[in-house]
């Protein structure tokens, strides 16, 4: 599902990645990391908005 969203964003010119499957994996990994850190710190606050650079690091063109 995330891979399809990344691929659609690339088609519309909203994201620029060379490898949509790897970029989708990175997006999911970052989200899971936020949840794990919140649990580690016993935080009840809602995670902040996604970082704008989520797709900038993996597979950038």
N, C-alpha and C. Protein backbone atom coordinates (compact mmCIF):
# COMPACT_ATOMS: atom_id res chain seq x y z
N UNK A 1 0.82 -1.18 0.00
CA UNK A 1 0.00 0.00 0.00
C UNK A 1 0.88 1.26 0.00
N UNK A 2 1.87 1.31 0.86
CA UNK A 2 2.75 2.48 0.91
C UNK A 2 3.52 2.61 -0.39
N UNK A 3 3.94 1.48 -0.93
CA UNK A 3 4.68 1.50 -2.20
C UNK A 3 3.84 2.12 -3.31
N UNK A 4 2.56 1.79 -3.34
CA UNK A 4 1.67 2.35 -4.36
C UNK A 4 1.53 3.86 -4.20
N UNK A 5 1.45 4.32 -2.97
CA UNK A 5 1.34 5.76 -2.72
C UNK A 5 2.61 6.48 -3.15
N UNK A 6 3.76 5.89 -2.85
CA UNK A 6 5.04 6.50 -3.26
C UNK A 6 5.13 6.53 -4.78
N UNK A 7 4.74 5.45 -5.44
CA UNK A 7 4.78 5.40 -6.90
C UNK A 7 3.86 6.46 -7.51
N UNK A 8 2.68 6.64 -6.93
CA UNK A 8 1.75 7.65 -7.43
C UNK A 8 2.32 9.06 -7.23
N UNK A 9 2.95 9.28 -6.08
CA UNK A 9 3.56 10.59 -5.83
C UNK A 9 4.67 10.87 -6.84
N UNK A 10 5.42 9.84 -7.19
CA UNK A 10 6.47 10.00 -8.21
C UNK A 10 5.87 10.35 -9.57
N UNK A 11 4.80 9.66 -9.92
CA UNK A 11 4.13 9.91 -11.21
C UNK A 11 3.61 11.33 -11.29
N UNK A 12 3.13 11.88 -10.17
CA UNK A 12 2.59 13.23 -10.15
C UNK A 12 3.67 14.29 -9.96
N UNK A 13 4.90 13.85 -9.75
CA UNK A 13 5.99 14.79 -9.57
C UNK A 13 6.09 15.33 -8.15
N UNK A 14 5.40 14.70 -7.20
CA UNK A 14 5.41 15.16 -5.81
C UNK A 14 6.55 14.55 -5.02
N UNK A 15 7.14 13.48 -5.52
CA UNK A 15 8.28 12.84 -4.87
C UNK A 15 9.26 12.44 -5.96
N UNK A 16 10.52 12.45 -5.63
CA UNK A 16 11.55 12.11 -6.61
C UNK A 16 12.46 11.04 -6.01
N UNK A 17 12.14 9.79 -6.29
CA UNK A 17 12.94 8.67 -5.80
C UNK A 17 13.25 7.75 -6.96
N UNK A 18 14.40 7.11 -6.91
CA UNK A 18 14.80 6.20 -7.97
C UNK A 18 14.22 4.81 -7.76
N UNK A 19 13.94 4.44 -6.51
CA UNK A 19 13.47 3.09 -6.20
C UNK A 19 12.28 3.17 -5.25
N UNK A 20 11.04 3.28 -5.78
CA UNK A 20 9.86 3.41 -4.93
C UNK A 20 9.69 2.31 -3.88
N UNK A 21 9.98 1.03 -4.18
CA UNK A 21 9.83 0.03 -3.12
C UNK A 21 10.77 0.28 -1.93
N UNK A 22 12.00 0.67 -2.21
CA UNK A 22 12.94 0.93 -1.12
C UNK A 22 12.53 2.20 -0.36
N UNK A 23 12.03 3.19 -1.06
CA UNK A 23 11.57 4.41 -0.40
C UNK A 23 10.36 4.12 0.47
N UNK A 24 9.45 3.27 0.00
CA UNK A 24 8.28 2.89 0.80
C UNK A 24 8.72 2.18 2.07
N UNK A 25 9.70 1.31 1.95
CA UNK A 25 10.24 0.62 3.12
C UNK A 25 10.78 1.63 4.13
N UNK A 26 11.47 2.64 3.65
CA UNK A 26 12.05 3.66 4.52
C UNK A 26 10.97 4.46 5.24
N UNK A 27 9.88 4.76 4.55
CA UNK A 27 8.77 5.49 5.16
C UNK A 27 8.17 4.67 6.30
N UNK A 28 7.93 3.39 6.05
CA UNK A 28 7.36 2.52 7.08
C UNK A 28 8.33 2.37 8.25
N UNK A 29 9.61 2.21 7.96
CA UNK A 29 10.61 2.05 9.02
C UNK A 29 10.67 3.29 9.91
N UNK A 30 10.59 4.47 9.31
CA UNK A 30 10.64 5.68 10.12
C UNK A 30 9.40 5.79 11.00
N UNK A 31 8.24 5.43 10.47
CA UNK A 31 7.01 5.47 11.26
C UNK A 31 7.08 4.48 12.42
N UNK A 32 7.57 3.28 12.15
CA UNK A 32 7.71 2.29 13.21
C UNK A 32 8.71 2.76 14.26
N UNK A 33 9.76 3.42 13.82
CA UNK A 33 10.75 3.94 14.75
C UNK A 33 10.16 4.98 15.69
N UNK A 34 9.30 5.84 15.17
CA UNK A 34 8.65 6.85 16.01
C UNK A 34 7.80 6.17 17.08
N UNK A 35 7.09 5.12 16.71
CA UNK A 35 6.24 4.41 17.67
C UNK A 35 7.10 3.75 18.74
N UNK A 36 8.20 3.11 18.33
CA UNK A 36 9.07 2.44 19.30
C UNK A 36 9.71 3.44 20.26
N UNK A 37 10.13 4.58 19.75
CA UNK A 37 10.70 5.60 20.64
C UNK A 37 9.66 6.13 21.63
N UNK A 38 8.43 6.32 21.15
CA UNK A 38 7.37 6.78 22.05
C UNK A 38 7.13 5.76 23.16
N UNK A 39 7.14 4.48 22.81
CA UNK A 39 6.96 3.44 23.82
C UNK A 39 8.13 3.42 24.79
N UNK A 40 9.33 3.56 24.27
CA UNK A 40 10.53 3.55 25.10
C UNK A 40 10.48 4.67 26.14
N UNK A 41 10.03 5.83 25.70
CA UNK A 41 9.97 6.99 26.59
C UNK A 41 8.63 7.10 27.31
N UNK A 42 7.78 6.11 27.11
CA UNK A 42 6.44 6.08 27.72
C UNK A 42 5.68 7.38 27.44
N UNK A 43 5.80 7.82 26.23
CA UNK A 43 5.17 9.07 25.82
C UNK A 43 3.73 8.81 25.40
N UNK A 44 2.85 9.66 25.89
CA UNK A 44 1.44 9.56 25.49
C UNK A 44 1.10 10.60 24.44
N UNK A 45 2.10 11.42 24.07
CA UNK A 45 1.87 12.43 23.04
C UNK A 45 1.79 11.79 21.67
N UNK A 46 1.01 12.38 20.85
CA UNK A 46 0.88 11.90 19.48
C UNK A 46 2.16 12.23 18.71
N UNK A 47 2.64 11.31 17.86
CA UNK A 47 3.86 11.62 17.09
C UNK A 47 3.67 12.87 16.24
N UNK A 48 4.74 13.58 16.03
CA UNK A 48 4.69 14.79 15.21
C UNK A 48 4.45 14.46 13.75
N UNK A 49 4.31 15.48 12.94
CA UNK A 49 4.07 15.23 11.51
C UNK A 49 5.28 14.55 10.89
N UNK A 50 5.05 13.85 9.79
CA UNK A 50 6.18 13.18 9.13
C UNK A 50 7.22 14.20 8.69
N UNK A 51 8.45 13.79 8.73
CA UNK A 51 9.52 14.68 8.30
C UNK A 51 9.46 14.85 6.78
N UNK A 52 9.72 16.03 6.35
CA UNK A 52 9.67 16.32 4.93
C UNK A 52 10.74 15.59 4.13
N UNK A 53 11.77 15.14 4.83
CA UNK A 53 12.87 14.50 4.12
C UNK A 53 12.77 12.97 4.12
N UNK A 54 11.63 12.43 4.44
CA UNK A 54 11.48 10.97 4.46
C UNK A 54 11.90 10.32 3.15
N UNK A 55 11.54 10.95 2.07
CA UNK A 55 11.88 10.38 0.77
C UNK A 55 13.16 10.97 0.19
N UNK A 56 13.73 11.94 0.88
CA UNK A 56 14.93 12.59 0.34
C UNK A 56 16.17 11.72 0.51
N UNK A 57 16.22 10.94 1.58
CA UNK A 57 17.41 10.15 1.83
C UNK A 57 17.46 8.84 1.03
N UNK A 58 16.42 8.01 1.11
CA UNK A 58 16.52 6.74 0.40
C UNK A 58 16.28 6.90 -1.10
N UNK A 59 17.11 6.37 -1.86
CA UNK A 59 16.89 6.26 -3.32
C UNK A 59 16.70 7.60 -4.01
N UNK A 60 17.29 8.64 -3.52
CA UNK A 60 17.10 9.95 -4.14
C UNK A 60 17.65 9.96 -5.56
N UNK A 61 16.99 10.67 -6.40
CA UNK A 61 17.46 10.82 -7.79
C UNK A 61 18.47 11.93 -7.88
